[in-house]
Amino acid sequence: MTRTFVTKIKGIESEIEILDDLPWIEIRNMMMKCFDVKNLNDVKLDFWQFNEMLVEKAIVKAPFDPKNPTERGMIDGLEMAELMNKLGEYFPLGKYLQPIIKLLQTEIT
């Protein structure tokens, strides 16, 4: 299933269609590529890579190719920030981090 929202892209109000949810394999792959948990006391997150992968995986329809880094890079910064805010509402990073944090807390104690 998908949902849509409207935001400005290149100065034009544009409809963006995104997935309601991502398959577990996509979430797992994103987490594996964006998190470094080699040291349980020093977990690292590549936030920017997570955002890039979220745009690539979650956006179904937009006035730009979400899989093309050059096209994504040409979007105005404030417009991309607004787009990321909208994506963050539907795919909050904390939702995916909670199970990892709980597991790490269990491992540490």
C-alpha atoms as a PDB file:
ATOM      1  CA  MET A   1       0.000   0.000   0.000  1.00  0.00           C
ATOM      2  CA  THR A   2       1.062   3.578  -0.525  1.00  0.00           C
ATOM      3  CA  ARG A   3       0.210   7.044   0.744  1.00  0.00           C
ATOM      4  CA  THR A   4       0.749  10.472  -0.724  1.00  0.00           C
ATOM      5  CA  PHE A   5       1.634  13.927   0.516  1.00  0.00           C
ATOM      6  CA  VAL A   6       2.342  17.261  -1.134  1.00  0.00           C
ATOM      7  CA  THR A   7       5.574  19.209  -0.767  1.00  0.00           C
ATOM      8  CA  LYS A   8       7.541  21.663  -2.887  1.00  0.00           C
ATOM      9  CA  ILE A   9      10.127  20.263  -5.264  1.00  0.00           C
ATOM     10  CA  LYS A  10      11.998  22.794  -7.433  1.00  0.00           C
ATOM     11  CA  GLY A  11       9.528  25.441  -6.283  1.00  0.00           C
ATOM     12  CA  ILE A  12       6.434  23.535  -7.418  1.00  0.00           C
ATOM     13  CA  GLU A  13       3.876  21.886  -5.142  1.00  0.00           C
ATOM     14  CA  SER A  14       4.399  18.221  -5.989  1.00  0.00           C
ATOM     15  CA  GLU A  15       2.677  15.016  -4.989  1.00  0.00           C
ATOM     16  CA  ILE A  16       4.989  12.415  -3.507  1.00  0.00           C
ATOM     17  CA  GLU A  17       3.863   8.795  -3.255  1.00  0.00           C
ATOM     18  CA  ILE A  18       5.581   6.611  -0.681  1.00  0.00           C
ATOM     19  CA  LEU A  19       5.223   3.070   0.580  1.00  0.00           C
ATOM     20  CA  ASP A  20       3.236   2.583   3.792  1.00  0.00           C
ATOM     21  CA  ASP A  21       5.930   0.287   5.100  1.00  0.00           C
ATOM     22  CA  LEU A  22       9.119  -1.320   3.901  1.00  0.00           C
ATOM     23  CA  PRO A  23       9.717  -5.065   3.752  1.00  0.00           C
ATOM     24  CA  TRP A  24      11.781  -6.377   6.649  1.00  0.00           C
ATOM     25  CA  ILE A  25      14.654  -7.317   4.318  1.00  0.00           C
ATOM     26  CA  GLU A  26      14.953  -3.676   3.198  1.00  0.00           C
ATOM     27  CA  ILE A  27      14.945  -2.397   6.776  1.00  0.00           C
ATOM     28  CA  ARG A  28      17.496  -5.014   7.807  1.00  0.00           C
ATOM     29  CA  ASN A  29      19.767  -4.137   4.883  1.00  0.00           C
ATOM     30  CA  MET A  30      19.521  -0.430   5.689  1.00  0.00           C
ATOM     31  CA  MET A  31      20.375  -1.095   9.324  1.00  0.00           C
ATOM     32  CA  MET A  32      23.308  -3.354   8.414  1.00  0.00           C
ATOM     33  CA  LYS A  33      24.765  -0.700   6.089  1.00  0.00           C
ATOM     34  CA  CYS A  34      24.113   2.279   8.365  1.00  0.00           C
ATOM     35  CA  PHE A  35      24.937   0.958  11.834  1.00  0.00           C
ATOM     36  CA  ASP A  36      28.264  -0.080  13.246  1.00  0.00           C
ATOM     37  CA  VAL A  37      27.763  -2.208  16.354  1.00  0.00           C
ATOM     38  CA  LYS A  38      31.195  -3.808  16.532  1.00  0.00           C
ATOM     39  CA  ASN A  39      31.686  -2.146  19.895  1.00  0.00           C
ATOM     40  CA  LEU A  40      28.502  -2.292  21.973  1.00  0.00           C
ATOM     41  CA  ASN A  41      29.654   0.707  24.012  1.00  0.00           C
ATOM     42  CA  ASP A  42      30.194   2.817  20.900  1.00  0.00           C
ATOM     43  CA  VAL A  43      27.331   2.239  18.432  1.00  0.00           C
ATOM     44  CA  LYS A  44      27.674   4.390  15.320  1.00  0.00           C
ATOM     45  CA  LEU A  45      24.990   5.447  12.875  1.00  0.00           C
ATOM     46  CA  ASP A  46      25.583   6.845   9.416  1.00  0.00           C
ATOM     47  CA  PHE A  47      22.492   9.058   9.517  1.00  0.00           C
ATOM     48  CA  TRP A  48      23.028  10.509   6.043  1.00  0.00           C
ATOM     49  CA  GLN A  49      23.341   7.118   4.396  1.00  0.00           C
ATOM     50  CA  PHE A  50      20.188   5.987   6.217  1.00  0.00           C
ATOM     51  CA  ASN A  51      18.326   9.013   4.829  1.00  0.00           C
ATOM     52  CA  GLU A  52      19.609   8.414   1.300  1.00  0.00           C
ATOM     53  CA  MET A  53      18.578   4.774   1.421  1.00  0.00           C
ATOM     54  CA  LEU A  54      15.167   5.708   2.838  1.00  0.00           C
ATOM     55  CA  VAL A  55      14.535   8.088  -0.072  1.00  0.00           C
ATOM     56  CA  GLU A  56      15.592   5.381  -2.552  1.00  0.00           C
ATOM     57  CA  LYS A  57      13.470   2.640  -0.975  1.00  0.00           C
ATOM     58  CA  ALA A  58      10.363   4.454   0.279  1.00  0.00           C
ATOM     59  CA  ILE A  59       9.506   6.865  -2.541  1.00  0.00           C
ATOM     60  CA  VAL A  60       7.397   5.293  -5.287  1.00  0.00           C
ATOM     61  CA  LYS A  61       6.524   8.391  -7.325  1.00  0.00           C
ATOM     62  CA  ALA A  62       8.032  11.876  -7.345  1.00  0.00           C
ATOM     63  CA  PRO A  63       8.973  14.587  -9.845  1.00  0.00           C
ATOM     64  CA  PHE A  64      12.542  13.261  -9.633  1.00  0.00           C
ATOM     65  CA  ASP A  65      14.083   9.793  -9.766  1.00  0.00           C
ATOM     66  CA  PRO A  66      14.572   8.845  -6.091  1.00  0.00           C
ATOM     67  CA  LYS A  67      17.184   6.249  -7.064  1.00  0.00           C
ATOM     68  CA  ASN A  68      19.316   8.805  -8.912  1.00  0.00           C
ATOM     69  CA  PRO A  69      21.745  10.559  -6.526  1.00  0.00           C
ATOM     70  CA  THR A  70      22.426  13.334  -9.060  1.00  0.00           C
ATOM     71  CA  GLU A  71      18.741  14.209  -9.337  1.00  0.00           C
ATOM     72  CA  ARG A  72      18.307  14.050  -5.537  1.00  0.00           C
ATOM     73  CA  GLY A  73      21.331  16.273  -5.141  1.00  0.00           C
ATOM     74  CA  MET A  74      19.846  18.997  -7.338  1.00  0.00           C
ATOM     75  CA  ILE A  75      16.812  19.507  -5.069  1.00  0.00           C
ATOM     76  CA  ASP A  76      17.023  22.664  -2.944  1.00  0.00           C
ATOM     77  CA  GLY A  77      18.266  22.004   0.577  1.00  0.00           C
ATOM     78  CA  LEU A  78      15.178  23.342   2.354  1.00  0.00           C
ATOM     79  CA  GLU A  79      12.910  21.369   0.049  1.00  0.00           C
ATOM     80  CA  MET A  80      14.860  18.161   0.703  1.00  0.00           C
ATOM     81  CA  ALA A  81      14.768  18.884   4.440  1.00  0.00           C
ATOM     82  CA  GLU A  82      10.974  19.173   4.265  1.00  0.00           C
ATOM     83  CA  LEU A  83      10.778  15.956   2.244  1.00  0.00           C
ATOM     84  CA  MET A  84      12.953  14.189   4.844  1.00  0.00           C
ATOM     85  CA  ASN A  85      10.752  15.557   7.643  1.00  0.00           C
ATOM     86  CA  LYS A  86       7.703  14.046   5.929  1.00  0.00           C
ATOM     87  CA  LEU A  87       9.473  10.722   5.424  1.00  0.00           C
ATOM     88  CA  GLY A  88      10.558  10.833   9.063  1.00  0.00           C
ATOM     89  CA  GLU A  89       6.924  11.079  10.133  1.00  0.00           C
ATOM     90  CA  TYR A  90       6.134   7.811   8.358  1.00  0.00           C
ATOM     91  CA  PHE A  91       9.459   6.060   8.946  1.00  0.00           C
ATOM     92  CA  PRO A  92      10.745   7.320  12.316  1.00  0.00           C
ATOM     93  CA  LEU A  93      14.314   6.189  12.880  1.00  0.00           C
ATOM     94  CA  GLY A  94      13.551   5.609  16.572  1.00  0.00           C
ATOM     95  CA  LYS A  95      11.037   2.925  15.640  1.00  0.00           C
ATOM     96  CA  TYR A  96      13.817   0.909  14.034  1.00  0.00           C
ATOM     97  CA  LEU A  97      16.384   1.742  16.708  1.00  0.00           C
ATOM     98  CA  GLN A  98      14.278   0.638  19.707  1.00  0.00           C
ATOM     99  CA  PRO A  99      14.766  -3.123  19.223  1.00  0.00           C
ATOM    100  CA  ILE A 100      18.504  -2.644  18.707  1.00  0.00           C
ATOM    101  CA  ILE A 101      18.838  -0.463  21.809  1.00  0.00           C
ATOM    102  CA  LYS A 102      16.878  -2.982  23.882  1.00  0.00           C
ATOM    103  CA  LEU A 103      19.075  -5.796  22.616  1.00  0.00           C
ATOM    104  CA  LEU A 104      22.245  -3.799  23.319  1.00  0.00           C
ATOM    105  CA  GLN A 105      21.069  -2.946  26.835  1.00  0.00           C
ATOM    106  CA  THR A 106      20.458  -6.641  27.453  1.00  0.00           C
ATOM    107  CA  GLU A 107      23.895  -7.513  26.065  1.00  0.00           C
ATOM    108  CA  ILE A 108      25.665  -4.900  28.203  1.00  0.00           C
ATOM    109  CA  THR A 109      23.985  -5.702  31.533  1.00  0.00           C
END
